[in-house]
């Protein structure tokens, strides 16, 4: 029986400091994977630091190191998709370059696929030690909401750190949508999946690229991509306020017939008008989000553009 090949897909954006540390740790873990051919595939997501130079040096020292460098920053979702497209292994693992996704879990993940019959092994953090409390709170709320409104299996604390066989990779690549939310896609495709739990790990080097605002927008993308519940909520709110308005009209007519037509109460009327207008704008915003995503899908733009790979001759 020929040996299996494992591709480690590592998205990297301004990870000049973290990449050598990751590579050293991956080599250490590699010794625990006897009989497995390893391929390293780094995706440079348009970094503005020395990330690309580090990848060039790693490729010169180790021919198993491959890289794809984008023409600009297209985002982690595009980087993950590019990694899956260019990976040649029988198994594909997605890991962050900052070692918050511990490569040490790979032997256990591979064992679950080869010996226990799973198609994919995911990872989830059981603690958020080191994160700001407000960020952890909203993260948990997001996963709770997604579990309620989405048909994708999105687990609290789930990471993009996955090990999957070729069958799962093909299924994910078949979803060629422009607006991608990998956590939802991993859950939506199904297959037999096992979850490994671990405690939160601090970055090995560098700084996080995810601000609270970026995470908030990413969460909105996930909700819009895998649920139509916001549209349903907007419709229900419209019907409820129509009913409230009808009851209010009847009340005003009855009150006028009994007590006359006093002119007092205009401040409360202004507040009601502003409130209703706010609800209308909210519903329009929800509808606009779905229309915007549809508009981007119809453009059929590529998810990423490649500027350089390890196969290109560097002058």
Protein backbone atom coordinates (compact mmCIF):
# COMPACT_ATOMS: atom_id res chain seq x y z
CA UNK A 1 0.00 0.00 0.00
CA UNK A 2 1.43 3.37 -1.07
CA UNK A 3 1.89 6.04 1.57
CA UNK A 4 -0.73 8.73 1.92
CA UNK A 5 -0.05 12.40 1.29
CA UNK A 6 -1.09 15.16 3.67
CA UNK A 7 -1.23 18.80 2.58
CA UNK A 8 -1.07 21.48 5.26
CA UNK A 9 -2.85 24.58 3.94
CA UNK A 10 -1.69 27.68 5.84
CA UNK A 11 -3.32 31.05 5.04
CA UNK A 12 -0.94 33.88 5.97
CA UNK A 13 -1.45 37.63 6.05
CA UNK A 14 1.47 39.66 7.42
CA UNK A 15 2.85 36.64 9.30
CA UNK A 16 6.56 37.28 8.72
CA UNK A 17 7.40 36.61 12.38
CA UNK A 18 5.10 33.61 12.86
CA UNK A 19 5.96 31.56 9.75
CA UNK A 20 9.43 30.30 10.84
CA UNK A 21 7.98 29.32 14.22
CA UNK A 22 5.11 27.48 12.54
CA UNK A 23 7.44 25.66 10.15
CA UNK A 24 9.68 24.51 13.00
CA UNK A 25 6.68 23.21 14.95
CA UNK A 26 5.28 21.46 11.85
CA UNK A 27 8.61 19.68 11.32
CA UNK A 28 8.48 18.49 14.92
CA UNK A 29 4.94 17.14 14.48
CA UNK A 30 5.90 15.58 11.15
CA UNK A 31 8.07 13.07 13.01
CA UNK A 32 4.90 11.74 14.65
CA UNK A 33 3.40 10.98 11.25
CA UNK A 34 5.53 8.09 9.95
CA UNK A 35 4.64 6.81 6.52
CA UNK A 36 2.85 10.03 5.59
CA UNK A 37 4.17 12.27 2.83
CA UNK A 38 3.87 15.93 3.84
CA UNK A 39 3.21 18.92 1.60
CA UNK A 40 3.27 22.48 2.94
CA UNK A 41 1.07 24.93 1.04
CA UNK A 42 1.20 28.52 2.23
CA UNK A 43 -1.25 31.10 0.88
CA UNK A 44 0.14 34.63 1.05
CA UNK A 45 -2.98 36.79 1.20
CA UNK A 46 -1.41 39.94 -0.24
CA UNK A 47 0.88 40.58 2.73
CA UNK A 48 2.60 43.95 2.99
CA UNK A 49 5.48 42.75 5.20
CA UNK A 50 8.19 40.17 4.48
CA UNK A 51 5.87 37.15 4.40
CA UNK A 52 6.55 36.40 0.74
CA UNK A 53 10.33 36.58 1.23
CA UNK A 54 10.08 34.12 4.12
CA UNK A 55 8.09 31.72 1.92
CA UNK A 56 10.64 31.98 -0.87
CA UNK A 57 13.42 31.09 1.57
CA UNK A 58 11.46 28.16 2.98
CA UNK A 59 10.88 26.79 -0.54
CA UNK A 60 14.61 27.04 -1.33
CA UNK A 61 15.42 25.03 1.80
CA UNK A 62 12.57 22.54 1.48
CA UNK A 63 11.11 21.59 -1.91
CA UNK A 64 7.97 20.31 -0.18
CA UNK A 65 7.09 23.91 0.70
CA UNK A 66 4.79 25.44 -1.90
CA UNK A 67 3.16 28.83 -1.86
CA UNK A 68 0.57 30.90 -3.68
CA UNK A 69 0.84 34.68 -3.38
CA UNK A 70 -2.21 36.84 -4.13
CA UNK A 71 -2.03 40.09 -6.07
CA UNK A 72 -3.67 41.84 -3.09
CA UNK A 73 -5.46 41.01 0.14
CA UNK A 74 -8.57 39.01 -0.76
CA UNK A 75 -9.36 37.76 2.75
CA UNK A 76 -9.01 34.50 4.61
CA UNK A 77 -12.01 32.89 2.92
CA UNK A 78 -10.39 33.29 -0.49
CA UNK A 79 -7.11 31.98 0.94
CA UNK A 80 -8.79 28.84 2.27
CA UNK A 81 -10.48 28.23 -1.08
CA UNK A 82 -7.19 28.72 -2.95
CA UNK A 83 -5.48 26.31 -0.59
CA UNK A 84 -8.07 23.62 -1.16
CA UNK A 85 -7.87 24.18 -4.93
CA UNK A 86 -4.10 23.82 -5.04
CA UNK A 87 -3.64 21.06 -2.48
CA UNK A 88 -2.57 17.72 -3.95
CA UNK A 89 -2.74 15.55 -0.82
CA UNK A 90 -5.08 12.66 -0.09
CA UNK A 91 -5.79 14.53 3.15
CA UNK A 92 -5.91 18.29 3.56
CA UNK A 93 -5.51 20.22 6.81
CA UNK A 94 -6.22 23.93 7.25
CA UNK A 95 -4.15 25.65 9.93
CA UNK A 96 -3.45 29.23 10.99
CA UNK A 97 0.16 30.36 10.80
CA UNK A 98 0.10 31.80 14.35
CA UNK A 99 -0.09 28.32 15.98
CA UNK A 100 -3.48 29.03 17.55
CA UNK A 101 -4.41 25.91 15.59
CA UNK A 102 -1.96 23.43 17.17
CA UNK A 103 -0.32 21.11 14.59
CA UNK A 104 0.19 18.67 17.47
CA UNK A 105 -3.43 17.56 16.98
CA UNK A 106 -2.77 16.30 13.45
CA UNK A 107 -1.70 12.73 14.43
CA UNK A 108 -4.92 12.27 16.42
CA UNK A 109 -6.95 13.77 13.58
CA UNK A 110 -5.37 11.49 11.01
CA UNK A 111 -5.97 8.48 13.22
CA UNK A 112 -9.67 9.35 13.46
CA UNK A 113 -9.97 9.39 9.67
CA UNK A 114 -7.86 6.34 8.87
CA UNK A 115 -8.84 4.07 11.76
CA UNK A 116 -12.23 5.30 12.96
CA UNK A 117 -13.81 5.90 9.56
CA UNK A 118 -14.45 9.65 9.79
CA UNK A 119 -14.35 11.83 6.67
CA UNK A 120 -13.44 15.02 8.48
CA UNK A 121 -12.10 16.03 11.89
CA UNK A 122 -12.80 19.53 13.16
CA UNK A 123 -11.49 21.42 16.16
CA UNK A 124 -13.21 23.66 18.69
CA UNK A 125 -11.99 25.77 21.56
CA UNK A 126 -13.60 25.00 24.90
CA UNK A 127 -12.16 28.14 26.53
CA UNK A 128 -11.51 31.68 25.33
CA UNK A 129 -8.83 32.54 27.84
CA UNK A 130 -6.94 35.65 26.79
CA UNK A 131 -9.77 37.14 24.76
CA UNK A 132 -11.57 40.36 25.83
CA UNK A 133 -14.78 39.38 27.72
CA UNK A 134 -17.01 41.45 25.43
CA UNK A 135 -15.59 39.70 22.37
CA UNK A 136 -16.11 36.26 23.91
CA UNK A 137 -19.69 37.15 24.84
CA UNK A 138 -20.63 38.22 21.33
CA UNK A 139 -18.87 35.19 19.84
CA UNK A 140 -20.95 32.83 21.97
CA UNK A 141 -24.11 34.76 21.09
CA UNK A 142 -23.29 34.44 17.40
CA UNK A 143 -22.87 30.66 17.57
CA UNK A 144 -26.07 30.37 19.62
CA UNK A 145 -28.03 32.38 17.06
CA UNK A 146 -26.58 30.50 14.10
CA UNK A 147 -27.49 27.19 15.68
CA UNK A 148 -31.10 28.36 15.94
CA UNK A 149 -31.57 29.91 12.50
CA UNK A 150 -29.24 27.90 10.23
CA UNK A 151 -29.38 24.36 8.87
CA UNK A 152 -25.57 24.15 8.86
CA UNK A 153 -23.82 22.36 11.72
CA UNK A 154 -21.94 25.29 13.28
CA UNK A 155 -20.52 24.39 16.69
CA UNK A 156 -19.67 26.92 19.40
CA UNK A 157 -15.95 27.59 19.40
CA UNK A 158 -15.42 25.93 16.02
CA UNK A 159 -12.18 26.80 14.28
CA UNK A 160 -11.23 26.69 10.60
CA UNK A 161 -8.67 24.08 11.71
CA UNK A 162 -9.93 20.98 9.90
CA UNK A 163 -8.47 17.76 8.53
CA UNK A 164 -10.50 16.26 5.71
CA UNK A 165 -10.21 13.56 3.09
CA UNK A 166 -10.35 14.20 -0.63
CA UNK A 167 -14.08 13.49 -0.78
CA UNK A 168 -14.85 16.38 1.57
CA UNK A 169 -12.42 18.68 -0.24
CA UNK A 170 -14.23 18.05 -3.55
CA UNK A 171 -17.58 18.75 -1.91
CA UNK A 172 -16.35 22.09 -0.52
CA UNK A 173 -14.81 23.12 -3.84
CA UNK A 174 -18.09 22.35 -5.60
CA UNK A 175 -19.60 25.24 -3.65
CA UNK A 176 -18.15 27.97 -5.84
CA UNK A 177 -20.06 30.86 -4.28
CA UNK A 178 -18.35 34.26 -4.12
CA UNK A 179 -19.58 35.17 -0.62
CA UNK A 180 -17.97 32.41 1.42
CA UNK A 181 -18.33 31.54 5.08
CA UNK A 182 -16.15 28.50 5.65
CA UNK A 183 -17.45 27.58 9.09
CA UNK A 184 -20.93 27.29 7.59
CA UNK A 185 -19.70 25.49 4.47
CA UNK A 186 -17.80 22.90 6.53
CA UNK A 187 -20.99 22.18 8.46
CA UNK A 188 -23.34 22.30 5.46
CA UNK A 189 -21.56 19.65 3.36
CA UNK A 190 -22.11 17.06 6.08
CA UNK A 191 -20.19 13.75 6.00
CA UNK A 192 -19.01 11.87 9.07
CA UNK A 193 -17.28 14.37 11.32
CA UNK A 194 -15.50 14.21 14.65
CA UNK A 195 -14.75 17.17 16.91
CA UNK A 196 -11.57 17.57 18.94
CA UNK A 197 -11.59 20.01 21.83
CA UNK A 198 -8.69 22.08 23.12
CA UNK A 199 -8.08 25.16 25.22
CA UNK A 200 -7.40 28.52 23.66
CA UNK A 201 -3.76 29.10 22.68
CA UNK A 202 -2.14 32.52 22.42
CA UNK A 203 -0.49 33.63 19.18
CA UNK A 204 3.11 32.54 18.75
CA UNK A 205 4.10 35.92 17.25
CA UNK A 206 2.64 39.00 15.62
CA UNK A 207 -0.76 40.58 16.20
CA UNK A 208 -4.27 39.49 15.35
CA UNK A 209 -5.72 40.88 12.11
CA UNK A 210 -9.29 40.54 13.37
CA UNK A 211 -10.74 43.65 15.01
CA UNK A 212 -14.13 43.60 16.69
CA UNK A 213 -15.64 45.41 13.70
CA UNK A 214 -14.21 42.89 11.21
CA UNK A 215 -15.56 40.02 13.30
CA UNK A 216 -18.97 41.71 13.43
CA UNK A 217 -19.08 42.05 9.63
CA UNK A 218 -17.89 38.45 9.29
CA UNK A 219 -20.73 37.33 11.55
CA UNK A 220 -23.24 39.23 9.40
CA UNK A 221 -21.83 37.50 6.31
CA UNK A 222 -22.34 34.14 8.00
CA UNK A 223 -25.94 34.88 8.93
CA UNK A 224 -26.82 36.14 5.45
CA UNK A 225 -24.99 33.24 3.75
CA UNK A 226 -26.66 30.44 5.70
CA UNK A 227 -30.04 31.69 6.84
CA UNK A 228 -33.06 33.57 5.50
CA UNK A 229 -34.35 34.11 9.04
CA UNK A 230 -33.65 37.89 8.95
CA UNK A 231 -36.00 38.22 5.97
CA UNK A 232 -38.66 36.25 7.81
CA UNK A 233 -38.21 38.45 10.89
CA UNK A 234 -38.56 41.58 8.74
CA UNK A 235 -41.79 40.23 7.22
CA UNK A 236 -43.22 39.31 10.63
CA UNK A 237 -42.32 42.73 12.00
CA UNK A 238 -44.13 44.34 9.07
CA UNK A 239 -47.28 42.32 9.73
CA UNK A 240 -47.15 43.00 13.48
CA UNK A 241 -46.84 46.76 13.00
CA UNK A 242 -49.67 46.75 10.45
CA UNK A 243 -51.83 45.07 13.07
CA UNK A 244 -50.71 47.52 15.75
CA UNK A 245 -51.47 50.44 13.43
CA UNK A 246 -54.96 49.08 12.70
CA UNK A 247 -55.71 48.70 16.42
CA UNK A 248 -54.37 52.20 17.06
CA UNK A 249 -56.67 53.65 14.37
CA UNK A 250 -59.70 52.01 15.95
CA UNK A 251 -58.63 53.30 19.37
CA UNK A 252 -58.21 56.87 18.09
CA UNK A 253 -61.60 56.82 16.37
CA UNK A 254 -63.35 55.54 19.51
CA UNK A 255 -61.52 58.01 21.75
CA UNK A 256 -62.40 60.91 19.45
CA UNK A 257 -66.08 59.96 19.40
CA UNK A 258 -66.20 59.75 23.20
CA UNK A 259 -63.80 62.46 24.40
CA UNK A 260 -63.52 64.75 21.39
CA UNK A 261 -60.28 65.53 19.52
CA UNK A 262 -57.67 66.98 21.92
CA UNK A 263 -54.44 68.26 20.33
CA UNK A 264 -52.17 67.04 23.13
CA UNK A 265 -49.92 64.04 22.64
CA UNK A 266 -47.85 65.21 19.67
CA UNK A 267 -44.49 64.37 21.34
CA UNK A 268 -45.53 60.75 21.75
CA UNK A 269 -46.74 60.75 18.15
CA UNK A 270 -43.35 61.99 16.94
CA UNK A 271 -41.61 59.24 18.94
CA UNK A 272 -43.89 56.62 17.39
CA UNK A 273 -43.22 57.95 13.89
CA UNK A 274 -39.46 57.87 14.46
CA UNK A 275 -39.68 54.35 15.90
CA UNK A 276 -41.69 53.04 12.95
CA UNK A 277 -39.32 54.76 10.51
CA UNK A 278 -36.41 53.06 12.24
CA UNK A 279 -38.08 49.67 11.87
CA UNK A 280 -38.66 50.36 8.17
CA UNK A 281 -35.01 51.30 7.64
CA UNK A 282 -33.91 48.17 9.51
CA UNK A 283 -36.05 45.97 7.26
CA UNK A 284 -34.76 47.78 4.18
CA UNK A 285 -31.21 47.22 5.41
CA UNK A 286 -31.84 43.50 5.86
CA UNK A 287 -33.26 43.26 2.36
CA UNK A 288 -30.33 45.32 1.06
CA UNK A 289 -27.82 42.87 2.53
CA UNK A 290 -29.35 39.97 0.63
CA UNK A 291 -29.60 42.02 -2.57
CA UNK A 292 -25.96 43.10 -2.24
CA UNK A 293 -24.80 39.50 -1.84
CA UNK A 294 -26.88 38.47 -4.85
CA UNK A 295 -25.39 41.34 -6.85
CA UNK A 296 -21.84 40.24 -6.02
CA UNK A 297 -22.64 36.63 -6.97
CA UNK A 298 -23.96 37.67 -10.40
CA UNK A 299 -20.70 39.48 -11.24
CA UNK A 300 -18.89 36.11 -11.39
CA UNK A 301 -15.61 37.68 -10.29
CA UNK A 302 -12.76 35.30 -9.33
CA UNK A 303 -12.29 34.73 -5.62
CA UNK A 304 -8.62 35.64 -5.89
CA UNK A 305 -5.87 36.58 -8.34
CA UNK A 306 -2.41 35.00 -8.17
CA UNK A 307 0.72 37.11 -8.49
CA UNK A 308 3.34 34.46 -7.81
CA UNK A 309 3.80 30.79 -6.93
CA UNK A 310 6.86 28.72 -6.10
CA UNK A 311 6.96 27.55 -9.72
CA UNK A 312 7.63 31.07 -11.01
CA UNK A 313 11.24 31.99 -11.65
CA UNK A 314 12.33 34.79 -9.32
CA UNK A 315 14.69 37.20 -10.99
